[in-house]
Structures are given as structure tokens and as C-alpha cells.
C-alpha atoms as a PDB file:
ATOM      1  CA  MET A   1     -46.843 -46.607 -60.401  1.00  0.00           C
ATOM      2  CA  ALA A   2     -49.348 -50.096 -60.145  1.00  0.00           C
ATOM      3  CA  ASP A   3     -51.671 -51.120 -57.837  1.00  0.00           C
ATOM      4  CA  GLU A   4     -48.998 -53.910 -56.922  1.00  0.00           C
ATOM      5  CA  ALA A   5     -46.432 -51.426 -55.388  1.00  0.00           C
ATOM      6  CA  ILE A   6     -48.957 -49.903 -53.216  1.00  0.00           C
ATOM      7  CA  GLY A   7     -48.906 -53.474 -51.234  1.00  0.00           C
ATOM      8  CA  ALA A   8     -51.647 -55.826 -49.276  1.00  0.00           C
ATOM      9  CA  ASP A   9     -51.429 -53.082 -45.721  1.00  0.00           C
ATOM     10  CA  SER A  10     -52.979 -50.651 -48.341  1.00  0.00           C
ATOM     11  CA  ALA A  11     -56.736 -49.059 -47.477  1.00  0.00           C
ATOM     12  CA  ASP A  12     -59.428 -47.539 -49.564  1.00  0.00           C
ATOM     13  CA  TYR A  13     -60.907 -43.686 -49.005  1.00  0.00           C
ATOM     14  CA  THR A  14     -63.181 -41.575 -51.552  1.00  0.00           C
ATOM     15  CA  VAL A  15     -62.796 -37.355 -51.439  1.00  0.00           C
ATOM     16  CA  PHE A  16     -63.379 -35.051 -54.241  1.00  0.00           C
ATOM     17  CA  GLY A  17     -65.399 -37.803 -55.418  1.00  0.00           C
ATOM     18  CA  LEU A  18     -61.870 -39.823 -56.423  1.00  0.00           C
ATOM     19  CA  ARG A  19     -61.584 -43.487 -54.595  1.00  0.00           C
ATOM     20  CA  VAL A  20     -58.375 -43.344 -53.340  1.00  0.00           C
ATOM     21  CA  ARG A  21     -55.797 -46.264 -51.998  1.00  0.00           C
ATOM     22  CA  SER A  22     -52.774 -45.869 -50.032  1.00  0.00           C
ATOM     23  CA  SER A  23     -50.428 -47.569 -48.541  1.00  0.00           C
ATOM     24  CA  LEU A  24     -50.485 -44.538 -45.597  1.00  0.00           C
ATOM     25  CA  PRO A  25     -53.328 -44.240 -42.974  1.00  0.00           C
ATOM     26  CA  LEU A  26     -54.948 -41.668 -43.876  1.00  0.00           C
ATOM     27  CA  PRO A  27     -57.977 -40.987 -41.099  1.00  0.00           C
ATOM     28  CA  GLU A  28     -59.513 -37.878 -41.795  1.00  0.00           C
ATOM     29  CA  LEU A  29     -60.943 -39.487 -44.962  1.00  0.00           C
ATOM     30  CA  PHE A  30     -64.253 -41.953 -44.866  1.00  0.00           C
ATOM     31  CA  PRO A  31     -63.428 -45.270 -46.008  1.00  0.00           C
ATOM     32  CA  ALA A  32     -64.441 -46.097 -49.168  1.00  0.00           C
ATOM     33  CA  THR A  33     -67.228 -48.904 -49.438  1.00  0.00           C
ATOM     34  CA  GLY A  34     -67.562 -51.873 -51.442  1.00  0.00           C
ATOM     35  CA  CYS A  35     -65.133 -52.594 -54.192  1.00  0.00           C
ATOM     36  CA  GLY A  36     -63.596 -50.761 -57.307  1.00  0.00           C
ATOM     37  CA  GLU A  37     -61.304 -49.601 -59.435  1.00  0.00           C
ATOM     38  CA  ALA A  38     -58.990 -46.807 -57.531  1.00  0.00           C
ATOM     39  CA  ASP A  39     -58.567 -43.337 -59.497  1.00  0.00           C
ATOM     40  CA  VAL A  40     -55.445 -42.068 -57.041  1.00  0.00           C
ATOM     41  CA  LEU A  41     -52.553 -44.508 -55.648  1.00  0.00           C
ATOM     42  CA  ILE A  42     -51.133 -43.245 -52.894  1.00  0.00           C
ATOM     43  CA  ASP A  43     -47.570 -44.820 -51.336  1.00  0.00           C
ATOM     44  CA  SER A  44     -44.334 -43.558 -49.466  1.00  0.00           C
ATOM     45  CA  GLY A  45     -40.793 -43.963 -50.362  1.00  0.00           C
ATOM     46  CA  GLY A  46     -37.653 -42.574 -52.018  1.00  0.00           C
ATOM     47  CA  ILE A  47     -37.864 -40.312 -54.511  1.00  0.00           C
ATOM     48  CA  GLU A  48     -35.748 -40.832 -56.861  1.00  0.00           C
ATOM     49  CA  ALA A  49     -34.966 -36.860 -57.802  1.00  0.00           C
ATOM     50  CA  PRO A  50     -32.202 -34.410 -57.145  1.00  0.00           C
ATOM     51  CA  GLU A  51     -32.618 -31.880 -54.355  1.00  0.00           C
ATOM     52  CA  SER A  52     -34.927 -29.355 -55.362  1.00  0.00           C
ATOM     53  CA  THR A  53     -35.683 -25.641 -54.089  1.00  0.00           C
ATOM     54  CA  PRO A  54     -39.017 -25.523 -51.614  1.00  0.00           C
ATOM     55  CA  GLY A  55     -42.164 -25.459 -53.887  1.00  0.00           C
ATOM     56  CA  LEU A  56     -43.524 -27.683 -57.357  1.00  0.00           C
ATOM     57  CA  THR A  57     -40.581 -27.971 -59.766  1.00  0.00           C
ATOM     58  CA  VAL A  58     -41.267 -30.484 -63.254  1.00  0.00           C
ATOM     59  CA  ALA A  59     -39.368 -33.707 -62.444  1.00  0.00           C
ATOM     60  CA  ASN A  60     -39.039 -36.843 -65.009  1.00  0.00           C
ATOM     61  CA  ASP A  61     -41.589 -38.817 -63.978  1.00  0.00           C
ATOM     62  CA  GLY A  62     -44.472 -35.302 -63.038  1.00  0.00           C
ATOM     63  CA  LEU A  63     -44.520 -32.537 -60.573  1.00  0.00           C
ATOM     64  CA  LEU A  64     -42.066 -32.537 -57.340  1.00  0.00           C
ATOM     65  CA  LEU A  65     -43.682 -30.612 -54.575  1.00  0.00           C
ATOM     66  CA  THR A  66     -41.173 -29.409 -51.906  1.00  0.00           C
ATOM     67  CA  VAL A  67     -42.139 -28.360 -48.573  1.00  0.00           C
ATOM     68  CA  PRO A  68     -39.548 -27.298 -45.891  1.00  0.00           C
ATOM     69  CA  GLU A  69     -39.378 -29.537 -42.759  1.00  0.00           C
ATOM     70  CA  VAL A  70     -41.835 -31.872 -43.816  1.00  0.00           C
ATOM     71  CA  GLY A  71     -40.897 -33.586 -46.801  1.00  0.00           C
ATOM     72  CA  ARG A  72     -41.271 -34.031 -50.854  1.00  0.00           C
ATOM     73  CA  PHE A  73     -44.046 -35.058 -52.413  1.00  0.00           C
ATOM     74  CA  LEU A  74     -43.951 -36.860 -56.510  1.00  0.00           C
ATOM     75  CA  ILE A  75     -47.281 -36.320 -58.537  1.00  0.00           C
ATOM     76  CA  SER A  76     -47.558 -38.355 -61.443  1.00  0.00           C
ATOM     77  CA  ASP A  77     -50.227 -38.287 -64.031  1.00  0.00           C
ATOM     78  CA  GLY A  78     -53.519 -37.477 -62.227  1.00  0.00           C
ATOM     79  CA  ARG A  79     -52.722 -40.272 -60.115  1.00  0.00           C
ATOM     80  CA  SER A  80     -49.864 -41.148 -58.262  1.00  0.00           C
ATOM     81  CA  ILE A  81     -48.932 -39.419 -55.407  1.00  0.00           C
ATOM     82  CA  ARG A  82     -45.430 -40.336 -54.058  1.00  0.00           C
ATOM     83  CA  ALA A  83     -44.660 -39.339 -50.617  1.00  0.00           C
ATOM     84  CA  GLU A  84     -41.269 -38.684 -49.421  1.00  0.00           C
ATOM     85  CA  PRO A  85     -41.250 -37.360 -45.242  1.00  0.00           C
ATOM     86  CA  MET A  86     -38.125 -36.046 -43.630  1.00  0.00           C
ATOM     87  CA  ASN A  87     -37.031 -37.744 -40.545  1.00  0.00           C
ATOM     88  CA  GLY A  88     -38.757 -37.605 -37.598  1.00  0.00           C
ATOM     89  CA  VAL A  89     -41.562 -34.875 -39.067  1.00  0.00           C
ATOM     90  CA  ASP A  90     -45.205 -35.199 -37.598  1.00  0.00           C
ATOM     91  CA  PRO A  91     -47.098 -37.830 -39.967  1.00  0.00           C
ATOM     92  CA  ARG A  92     -50.227 -35.045 -39.272  1.00  0.00           C
ATOM     93  CA  ASN A  93     -47.736 -32.490 -40.902  1.00  0.00           C
ATOM     94  CA  VAL A  94     -47.330 -35.056 -43.996  1.00  0.00           C
ATOM     95  CA  ARG A  95     -51.322 -36.146 -44.574  1.00  0.00           C
ATOM     96  CA  LEU A  96     -51.502 -31.707 -44.213  1.00  0.00           C
ATOM     97  CA  PHE A  97     -49.345 -31.816 -47.243  1.00  0.00           C
ATOM     98  CA  LEU A  98     -50.505 -34.845 -48.815  1.00  0.00           C
ATOM     99  CA  LEU A  99     -54.403 -34.048 -48.768  1.00  0.00           C
ATOM    100  CA  GLY A 100     -53.979 -30.202 -49.789  1.00  0.00           C
ATOM    101  CA  SER A 101     -50.792 -29.168 -51.689  1.00  0.00           C
ATOM    102  CA  ALA A 102     -49.819 -32.686 -53.452  1.00  0.00           C
ATOM    103  CA  PHE A 103     -53.767 -33.281 -54.206  1.00  0.00           C
ATOM    104  CA  GLY A 104     -54.289 -29.690 -55.771  1.00  0.00           C
ATOM    105  CA  VAL A 105     -51.374 -30.419 -58.179  1.00  0.00           C
ATOM    106  CA  LEU A 106     -52.751 -34.003 -59.158  1.00  0.00           C
ATOM    107  CA  LEU A 107     -56.643 -32.008 -59.665  1.00  0.00           C
ATOM    108  CA  HIS A 108     -54.679 -29.881 -61.435  1.00  0.00           C
ATOM    109  CA  GLN A 109     -53.345 -32.591 -63.737  1.00  0.00           C
ATOM    110  CA  ARG A 110     -56.721 -34.747 -64.160  1.00  0.00           C
ATOM    111  CA  GLY A 111     -58.081 -31.272 -65.814  1.00  0.00           C
ATOM    112  CA  LEU A 112     -60.719 -30.775 -62.454  1.00  0.00           C
ATOM    113  CA  LEU A 113     -62.005 -27.374 -61.310  1.00  0.00           C
ATOM    114  CA  PRO A 114     -60.936 -27.077 -57.469  1.00  0.00           C
ATOM    115  CA  LEU A 115     -62.237 -23.608 -56.152  1.00  0.00           C
ATOM    116  CA  HIS A 116     -60.369 -22.463 -53.165  1.00  0.00           C
ATOM    117  CA  ALA A 117     -64.031 -22.650 -51.578  1.00  0.00           C
ATOM    118  CA  ASN A 118     -66.264 -24.220 -48.613  1.00  0.00           C
ATOM    119  CA  ALA A 119     -69.897 -25.546 -49.943  1.00  0.00           C
ATOM    120  CA  ILE A 120     -72.853 -26.267 -48.098  1.00  0.00           C
ATOM    121  CA  GLU A 121     -76.069 -28.576 -49.004  1.00  0.00           C
ATOM    122  CA  VAL A 122     -79.241 -26.783 -48.710  1.00  0.00           C
ATOM    123  CA  ASP A 123     -82.570 -28.136 -50.109  1.00  0.00           C
ATOM    124  CA  SER A 124     -80.631 -31.069 -51.870  1.00  0.00           C
ATOM    125  CA  ASN A 125     -78.480 -28.297 -53.292  1.00  0.00           C
ATOM    126  CA  ALA A 126     -75.002 -26.941 -52.812  1.00  0.00           C
ATOM    127  CA  PHE A 127     -73.630 -23.158 -52.568  1.00  0.00           C
ATOM    128  CA  ALA A 128     -70.041 -22.598 -52.623  1.00  0.00           C
ATOM    129  CA  PHE A 129     -68.239 -19.739 -50.757  1.00  0.00           C
ATOM    130  CA  SER A 130     -64.992 -18.767 -52.313  1.00  0.00           C
ATOM    131  CA  GLY A 131     -62.848 -15.507 -51.580  1.00  0.00           C
ATOM    132  CA  ALA A 132     -59.662 -15.153 -49.699  1.00  0.00           C
ATOM    133  CA  SER A 133     -57.705 -16.630 -46.881  1.00  0.00           C
ATOM    134  CA  GLY A 134     -59.120 -15.088 -44.277  1.00  0.00           C
ATOM    135  CA  ALA A 135     -62.387 -13.991 -45.974  1.00  0.00           C
ATOM    136  CA  GLY A 136     -64.928 -16.199 -43.435  1.00  0.00           C
ATOM    137  CA  LYS A 137     -65.730 -19.187 -45.583  1.00  0.00           C
ATOM    138  CA  SER A 138     -64.962 -22.396 -42.861  1.00  0.00           C
ATOM    139  CA  THR A 139     -66.917 -19.559 -40.384  1.00  0.00           C
ATOM    140  CA  LEU A 140     -69.981 -18.973 -42.541  1.00  0.00           C
ATOM    141  CA  ALA A 141     -69.720 -22.967 -43.142  1.00  0.00           C
ATOM    142  CA  ALA A 142     -69.624 -23.841 -39.536  1.00  0.00           C
ATOM    143  CA  TRP A 143     -72.347 -21.857 -38.877  1.00  0.00           C
ATOM    144  CA  PHE A 144     -74.678 -23.442 -41.332  1.00  0.00           C
ATOM    145  CA  HIS A 145     -73.277 -27.054 -40.291  1.00  0.00           C
ATOM    146  CA  ASP A 146     -74.336 -25.999 -36.511  1.00  0.00           C
ATOM    147  CA  ARG A 147     -77.620 -25.341 -37.800  1.00  0.00           C
ATOM    148  CA  GLY A 148     -78.337 -28.909 -39.443  1.00  0.00           C
ATOM    149  CA  PHE A 149     -77.376 -27.763 -42.530  1.00  0.00           C
ATOM    150  CA  ARG A 150     -74.902 -30.874 -43.918  1.00  0.00           C
ATOM    151  CA  LEU A 151     -71.287 -29.545 -45.298  1.00  0.00           C
ATOM    152  CA  VAL A 152     -70.202 -30.101 -48.980  1.00  0.00           C
ATOM    153  CA  ALA A 153     -66.407 -29.316 -48.749  1.00  0.00           C
ATOM    154  CA  ASP A 154     -64.803 -27.485 -46.639  1.00  0.00           C
ATOM    155  CA  ASP A 155     -61.293 -24.944 -48.074  1.00  0.00           C
ATOM    156  CA  VAL A 156     -61.450 -26.783 -51.029  1.00  0.00           C
ATOM    157  CA  CYS A 157     -64.412 -27.603 -53.547  1.00  0.00           C
ATOM    158  CA  VAL A 158     -64.122 -29.737 -56.813  1.00  0.00           C
ATOM    159  CA  VAL A 159     -66.506 -29.217 -59.647  1.00  0.00           C
ATOM    160  CA  ARG A 160     -67.715 -31.293 -62.135  1.00  0.00           C
ATOM    161  CA  PHE A 161     -69.763 -31.308 -64.881  1.00  0.00           C
ATOM    162  CA  ASP A 162     -71.946 -34.495 -65.722  1.00  0.00           C
ATOM    163  CA  SER A 163     -73.224 -35.407 -68.829  1.00  0.00           C
ATOM    164  CA  HIS A 164     -75.702 -32.471 -69.042  1.00  0.00           C
ATOM    165  CA  GLY A 165     -73.346 -29.719 -68.471  1.00  0.00           C
ATOM    166  CA  LYS A 166     -74.366 -29.201 -65.503  1.00  0.00           C
ATOM    167  CA  ALA A 167     -71.989 -28.171 -62.231  1.00  0.00           C
ATOM    168  CA  GLN A 168     -71.805 -30.838 -59.453  1.00  0.00           C
ATOM    169  CA  ALA A 169     -69.483 -30.382 -56.466  1.00  0.00           C
ATOM    170  CA  CYS A 170     -67.747 -33.102 -55.028  1.00  0.00           C
ATOM    171  CA  PRO A 171     -67.483 -34.072 -50.816  1.00  0.00           C
ATOM    172  CA  GLY A 172     -64.362 -33.057 -49.981  1.00  0.00           C
ATOM    173  CA  LEU A 173     -62.652 -33.699 -46.587  1.00  0.00           C
ATOM    174  CA  PRO A 174     -65.016 -34.342 -43.532  1.00  0.00           C
ATOM    175  CA  ARG A 175     -63.493 -31.343 -41.272  1.00  0.00           C
ATOM    176  CA  LEU A 176     -63.786 -27.775 -40.490  1.00  0.00           C
ATOM    177  CA  ARG A 177     -60.602 -26.038 -40.558  1.00  0.00           C
ATOM    178  CA  LEU A 178     -60.864 -23.038 -38.163  1.00  0.00           C
ATOM    179  CA  TRP A 179     -58.771 -20.273 -36.209  1.00  0.00           C
ATOM    180  CA  LEU A 180     -58.831 -19.913 -33.060  1.00  0.00           C
ATOM    181  CA  ASP A 181     -61.321 -16.836 -33.349  1.00  0.00           C
ATOM    182  CA  ALA A 182     -63.669 -18.456 -35.522  1.00  0.00           C
ATOM    183  CA  LEU A 183     -63.921 -21.226 -33.227  1.00  0.00           C
ATOM    184  CA  GLU A 184     -64.812 -18.866 -30.510  1.00  0.00           C
ATOM    185  CA  LYS A 185     -66.966 -17.055 -32.956  1.00  0.00           C
ATOM    186  CA  THR A 186     -68.734 -20.520 -33.665  1.00  0.00           C
ATOM    187  CA  GLY A 187     -69.219 -21.561 -29.665  1.00  0.00           C
ATOM    188  CA  ARG A 188     -66.475 -23.546 -29.982  1.00  0.00           C
ATOM    189  CA  ALA A 189     -63.366 -24.219 -27.575  1.00  0.00           C
ATOM    190  CA  SER A 190     -59.670 -25.450 -28.918  1.00  0.00           C
ATOM    191  CA  ALA A 191     -59.403 -27.867 -26.306  1.00  0.00           C
ATOM    192  CA  GLY A 192     -59.032 -31.529 -27.313  1.00  0.00           C
ATOM    193  CA  LEU A 193     -58.484 -30.322 -31.079  1.00  0.00           C
ATOM    194  CA  HIS A 194     -55.556 -30.856 -33.052  1.00  0.00           C
ATOM    195  CA  ARG A 195     -54.112 -28.183 -34.558  1.00  0.00           C
ATOM    196  CA  SER A 196     -53.736 -28.330 -38.561  1.00  0.00           C
ATOM    197  CA  TYR A 197     -49.720 -28.334 -38.348  1.00  0.00           C
ATOM    198  CA  ALA A 198     -48.068 -30.149 -35.628  1.00  0.00           C
ATOM    199  CA  GLY A 199     -45.825 -27.290 -33.733  1.00  0.00           C
ATOM    200  CA  SER A 200     -45.757 -23.808 -34.549  1.00  0.00           C
ATOM    201  CA  ALA A 201     -45.590 -22.080 -37.957  1.00  0.00           C
ATOM    202  CA  ALA A 202     -46.641 -18.705 -39.008  1.00  0.00           C
ATOM    203  CA  GLY A 203     -49.750 -18.759 -40.646  1.00  0.00           C
ATOM    204  CA  LEU A 204     -50.728 -22.590 -39.991  1.00  0.00           C
ATOM    205  CA  ASP A 205     -51.947 -21.577 -36.438  1.00  0.00           C
ATOM    206  CA  LYS A 206     -55.675 -23.429 -37.233  1.00  0.00           C
ATOM    207  CA  PHE A 207     -57.116 -26.195 -35.740  1.00  0.00           C
ATOM    208  CA  ASP A 208     -59.410 -28.932 -36.750  1.00  0.00           C
ATOM    209  CA  VAL A 209     -63.318 -29.887 -36.348  1.00  0.00           C
ATOM    210  CA  PRO A 210     -63.767 -33.251 -37.191  1.00  0.00           C
ATOM    211  CA  LEU A 211     -67.306 -33.932 -38.403  1.00  0.00           C
ATOM    212  CA  GLY A 212     -68.884 -37.477 -38.810  1.00  0.00           C
ATOM    213  CA  TRP A 213     -70.348 -38.818 -41.513  1.00  0.00           C
ATOM    214  CA  GLU A 214     -74.137 -37.836 -41.118  1.00  0.00           C
ATOM    215  CA  THR A 215     -73.207 -34.366 -41.109  1.00  0.00           C
ATOM    216  CA  MET A 216     -71.247 -34.352 -44.413  1.00  0.00           C
ATOM    217  CA  ARG A 217     -72.789 -34.408 -47.677  1.00  0.00           C
ATOM    218  CA  SER A 218     -71.293 -38.252 -48.787  1.00  0.00           C
ATOM    219  CA  GLU A 219     -72.640 -38.204 -52.790  1.00  0.00           C
ATOM    220  CA  ASN A 220     -71.799 -35.360 -55.469  1.00  0.00           C
ATOM    221  CA  ILE A 221     -74.803 -32.453 -55.310  1.00  0.00           C
ATOM    222  CA  PRO A 222     -75.684 -29.874 -58.056  1.00  0.00           C
ATOM    223  CA  LEU A 223     -73.603 -26.718 -57.498  1.00  0.00           C
ATOM    224  CA  ARG A 224     -76.231 -23.776 -57.791  1.00  0.00           C
ATOM    225  CA  ALA A 225     -74.345 -20.697 -57.303  1.00  0.00           C
ATOM    226  CA  VAL A 226     -70.775 -20.172 -56.213  1.00  0.00           C
ATOM    227  CA  TYR A 227     -70.901 -16.629 -53.679  1.00  0.00           C
ATOM    228  CA  LEU A 228     -67.604 -14.543 -53.421  1.00  0.00           C
ATOM    229  CA  LEU A 229     -66.963 -13.236 -50.019  1.00  0.00           C
ATOM    230  CA  ASP A 230     -65.693  -9.538 -50.032  1.00  0.00           C
ATOM    231  CA  GLU A 231     -66.021  -7.147 -47.359  1.00  0.00           C
ATOM    232  CA  GLY A 232     -68.006  -3.533 -47.088  1.00  0.00           C
ATOM    233  CA  GLU A 233     -69.036  -1.618 -45.206  1.00  0.00           C
ATOM    234  CA  SER A 234     -72.779  -2.648 -44.994  1.00  0.00           C
ATOM    235  CA  PHE A 235     -73.973  -6.296 -46.076  1.00  0.00           C
ATOM    236  CA  ALA A 236     -74.943  -6.364 -49.570  1.00  0.00           C
ATOM    237  CA  ILE A 237     -75.355  -8.922 -52.689  1.00  0.00           C
ATOM    238  CA  SER A 238     -74.667  -8.230 -56.202  1.00  0.00           C
ATOM    239  CA  ARG A 239     -74.847 -10.556 -59.189  1.00  0.00           C
ATOM    240  CA  LEU A 240     -71.833 -11.105 -61.341  1.00  0.00           C
ATOM    241  CA  ARG A 241     -71.999 -11.694 -64.828  1.00  0.00           C
ATOM    242  CA  GLY A 242     -69.314 -12.759 -68.130  1.00  0.00           C
ATOM    243  CA  VAL A 243     -66.012 -12.523 -68.153  1.00  0.00           C
ATOM    244  CA  GLU A 244     -66.216 -11.003 -64.330  1.00  0.00           C
ATOM    245  CA  ALA A 245     -67.859 -13.991 -63.249  1.00  0.00           C
ATOM    246  CA  ALA A 246     -65.383 -16.230 -65.050  1.00  0.00           C
ATOM    247  CA  GLN A 247     -62.574 -14.554 -63.333  1.00  0.00           C
ATOM    248  CA  VAL A 248     -63.927 -14.584 -59.876  1.00  0.00           C
ATOM    249  CA  ILE A 249     -63.933 -18.199 -60.350  1.00  0.00           C
ATOM    250  CA  PHE A 250     -60.556 -18.591 -62.061  1.00  0.00           C
ATOM    251  CA  GLU A 251     -58.668 -16.347 -59.672  1.00  0.00           C
ATOM    252  CA  ASN A 252     -60.587 -18.370 -56.941  1.00  0.00           C
ATOM    253  CA  THR A 253     -58.831 -21.110 -57.557  1.00  0.00           C
ATOM    254  CA  TYR A 254     -56.818 -23.639 -55.063  1.00  0.00           C
ATOM    255  CA  ARG A 255     -53.846 -23.993 -55.723  1.00  0.00           C
ATOM    256  CA  GLY A 256     -53.659 -21.820 -58.839  1.00  0.00           C
ATOM    257  CA  SER A 257     -50.501 -21.110 -59.214  1.00  0.00           C
ATOM    258  CA  TYR A 258     -49.725 -24.761 -60.118  1.00  0.00           C
ATOM    259  CA  LEU A 259     -51.834 -24.405 -62.984  1.00  0.00           C
ATOM    260  CA  ALA A 260     -48.599 -24.071 -65.380  1.00  0.00           C
ATOM    261  CA  ALA A 261     -46.355 -26.291 -64.335  1.00  0.00           C
ATOM    262  CA  ALA A 262     -49.564 -28.854 -64.471  1.00  0.00           C
ATOM    263  CA  ASN A 263     -50.283 -27.824 -68.232  1.00  0.00           C
ATOM    264  CA  ALA A 264     -53.407 -26.828 -67.139  1.00  0.00           C
ATOM    265  CA  HIS A 265     -54.172 -23.135 -67.920  1.00  0.00           C
ATOM    266  CA  ARG A 266     -55.980 -23.505 -70.904  1.00  0.00           C
ATOM    267  CA  ILE A 267     -58.942 -26.009 -69.627  1.00  0.00           C
ATOM    268  CA  HIS A 268     -58.864 -24.635 -66.369  1.00  0.00           C
ATOM    269  CA  TRP A 269     -60.138 -21.270 -68.114  1.00  0.00           C
ATOM    270  CA  GLN A 270     -62.022 -23.254 -70.433  1.00  0.00           C
ATOM    271  CA  SER A 271     -63.701 -24.976 -67.523  1.00  0.00           C
ATOM    272  CA  ALA A 272     -64.321 -21.690 -65.450  1.00  0.00           C
ATOM    273  CA  VAL A 273     -66.135 -19.838 -68.029  1.00  0.00           C
ATOM    274  CA  ARG A 274     -68.298 -22.922 -68.341  1.00  0.00           C
ATOM    275  CA  LEU A 275     -69.429 -22.782 -64.635  1.00  0.00           C
ATOM    276  CA  ALA A 276     -69.658 -18.864 -65.187  1.00  0.00           C
ATOM    277  CA  GLN A 277     -72.101 -19.459 -68.115  1.00  0.00           C
ATOM    278  CA  HIS A 278     -74.061 -21.748 -66.505  1.00  0.00           C
ATOM    279  CA  THR A 279     -74.242 -20.776 -62.588  1.00  0.00           C
ATOM    280  CA  PRO A 280     -74.357 -17.666 -61.000  1.00  0.00           C
ATOM    281  CA  VAL A 281     -72.236 -16.335 -59.033  1.00  0.00           C
ATOM    282  CA  PHE A 282     -72.742 -13.022 -56.579  1.00  0.00           C
ATOM    283  CA  ARG A 283     -70.622 -11.070 -54.547  1.00  0.00           C
ATOM    284  CA  ILE A 284     -70.976 -10.800 -50.934  1.00  0.00           C
ATOM    285  CA  ALA A 285     -69.832  -7.647 -48.881  1.00  0.00           C
ATOM    286  CA  ARG A 286     -69.763  -7.828 -44.786  1.00  0.00           C
ATOM    287  CA  SER A 287     -69.184  -6.329 -42.716  1.00  0.00           C
ATOM    288  CA  MET A 288     -66.208  -8.693 -40.683  1.00  0.00           C
ATOM    289  CA  ARG A 289     -67.560  -7.361 -37.813  1.00  0.00           C
ATOM    290  CA  THR A 290     -68.663 -10.137 -34.731  1.00  0.00           C
ATOM    291  CA  ASP A 291     -71.547  -7.948 -33.474  1.00  0.00           C
ATOM    292  CA  ARG A 292     -73.294  -8.754 -36.950  1.00  0.00           C
ATOM    293  CA  PHE A 293     -72.341 -12.153 -37.882  1.00  0.00           C
ATOM    294  CA  GLU A 294     -75.284 -13.801 -36.680  1.00  0.00           C
ATOM    295  CA  SER A 295     -77.702 -10.961 -38.307  1.00  0.00           C
ATOM    296  CA  GLU A 296     -75.422 -11.618 -41.921  1.00  0.00           C
ATOM    297  CA  CYS A 297     -75.104 -15.187 -42.199  1.00  0.00           C
ATOM    298  CA  GLU A 298     -79.189 -15.231 -41.438  1.00  0.00           C
ATOM    299  CA  ARG A 299     -79.848 -12.503 -44.140  1.00  0.00           C
ATOM    300  CA  LEU A 300     -77.069 -14.306 -46.637  1.00  0.00           C
ATOM    301  CA  LEU A 301     -79.792 -17.570 -45.938  1.00  0.00           C
ATOM    302  CA  GLU A 302     -82.787 -15.507 -46.754  1.00  0.00           C
ATOM    303  CA  HIS A 303     -80.944 -14.337 -50.099  1.00  0.00           C
ATOM    304  CA  LEU A 304     -80.302 -18.181 -51.270  1.00  0.00           C
ATOM    305  CA  SER A 305     -83.579 -19.439 -50.011  1.00  0.00           C
ATOM    306  CA  SER A 306     -86.002 -16.576 -52.281  1.00  0.00           C
ATOM    307  CA  GLU A 307     -83.141 -16.558 -55.104  1.00  0.00           C
ATOM    308  CA  PHE A 308     -83.593 -20.036 -55.604  1.00  0.00           C
ATOM    309  CA  SER A 309     -86.729 -20.732 -54.392  1.00  0.00           C
ATOM    310  CA  LEU A 310     -85.859 -23.456 -51.905  1.00  0.00           C
ATOM    311  CA  GLY A 311     -87.697 -24.234 -48.474  1.00  0.00           C
ATOM    312  CA  ALA A 312     -83.997 -23.331 -46.555  1.00  0.00           C
ATOM    313  CA  THR A 313     -84.468 -26.235 -43.799  1.00  0.00           C
ATOM    314  CA  ALA A 314     -81.891 -28.914 -42.769  1.00  0.00           C
ATOM    315  CA  PRO A 315     -81.864 -32.138 -43.885  1.00  0.00           C
ATOM    316  CA  THR A 316     -82.333 -35.661 -41.954  1.00  0.00           C
ATOM    317  CA  ARG A 317     -79.212 -36.539 -40.309  1.00  0.00           C
ATOM    318  CA  GLY A 318     -78.173 -39.545 -42.430  1.00  0.00           C
ATOM    319  CA  GLY A 319     -80.615 -38.629 -44.659  1.00  0.00           C
END
């Protein structure tokens, strides 16, 4: 898809360390500043591919993601996404899957390492919290955010490696996605917030909490550690090493089931090993009890502060 195919009404945005040029409005993203060549091109229109089963399939021009009751997305060469929404579908639902699963395919095509993780900034370093859905990643990130720490990424933390081989976390979408009980746990109300998915759908009853630019990290930042959130009778943090650490990273990849279709298994495993070799990976056992939530968050903050010799204070907003 060439630049001129996007049209004069396109706008540039930034997410995951990429400059995105889109003919579809993407209000969830921050506008890109200055001028520059787009890394990713997004448009909408018909897709010249036969109807396929739900999920991800190979198409002549790339990979075709079919989402029932939403539409289809053609992702090509790690550079372009074409959206073909179903008639009458809420644009918010189109953007939900465009910026989620479809982008997950594109990130794998580009050979990037997208962790299914949230990340926060402490003392100019990023710390990622990974784990299965429902493990409390966003709730934990919300706790840090509410104490003045900037969010780096919510749900998807894209990792790059700089010229010295050091891991960098890329800024993600400027929002927190929280279940209703997580809203309540962090002192928020659902009134005035949009559900992530417009309408009723099993497993998608989450709410989007938009964040301002001053509460988000805007540039790549060194990734100092990855924490795997797990459940246990009592709070404990243990260091994982070697293959076990790499396996945790590999298993907590965002849309890892797409790796085979994107022909990215090998490069992704190499990236997981590379990250585990140079970045500490820890497992956190937490009780998940509401009455222990505050104290467990405080103990986590104490751990990363002492483990990495940080002055764990909140950054100045906008700094």
C-alpha cells in the first residue's frame, strides 16, 4: 500500500515507537509531532480476499484477521493494515481490534518483541509486569500511576534493543484498561468511561481510562526488569534464570499464537533469550486479596527500589 493510497485526510500518530499514518481517525493515540516518514500505513476499504473462518489466515497479500461482528483486517509486510469493517459496526470496536490484535500481527511481522505486559517508569527506568489475563497487570499499573509514576505501556509492551544490545520499552497506548472490580479497587467510578468493546460481549467487559500526555512516557526507555505476576498464599519475589526466564518471556508474548502465521517463531525466541540474558526476570507470588493489595504493591515498590538502587520517587509531570 503506497503512501498516496492513504489520502489527503490522513493523520500521523505515534505508538509502540512507530509513526503511524492513518486515514481512519485514531483518537486513542497521541498525534505525532513534526514531519517524518511513516513506519505504518492504515486505511479502510474492500479487501480482495475470499471470506475466511474467524481468526488469522494467510492471504495473497499478507495475513487476514477475521473478527466476527467487527470486520476483517489485512496486515502486510509489517508495514500496512487495511480495515474492512462490517456494515453498522461501532468504530470503537473496529479500533479495538485494529490497535490490538491486528497490530499484534504487524509487530510480529516486523520482528519486534511485544510482551503481554504493562510497564511503568520509576527513576527513568521501565519495569514490566506480565502475566495471564486477570493477573492484575493493569490494576498494578493503575496503583503506580495514581502515585505519580508515569505509565509506559498498558497490556502491550513492545521491546526493542538499542545499538548496545540493551532492552528498551516503547510507549504504548495512552490508557488503562480495567475490569469493573479493578476500577473499584483503585478508587475509580465507571460513570463517564467507555467500555472497551461497545455492546455486550463475553470476556470484553472492560473500561478504558484515558490518560493525558503528562502521565505517559513519550519516548523509549531502558527496560530494567520483567516481573511475572502469579498467585500464591503469601507475598514472595524470586529471580528466574536461564531457559526458565526466556520461557516466561516467550509464553507471555502478546498474540503469541500468531507467531507461526507470521513466520516469526525463530526470531521471537532469539529475542526472548536475548532479553532474559541481559534483563532480570522475577516471579511475584501475590495473594490477590483486596485487603492485602495496598501492602503488596508497597512491597513490590520496595523490592524494585532496593534491587536496582533507585530513588523510587514519582517523576515530575511532563518531565
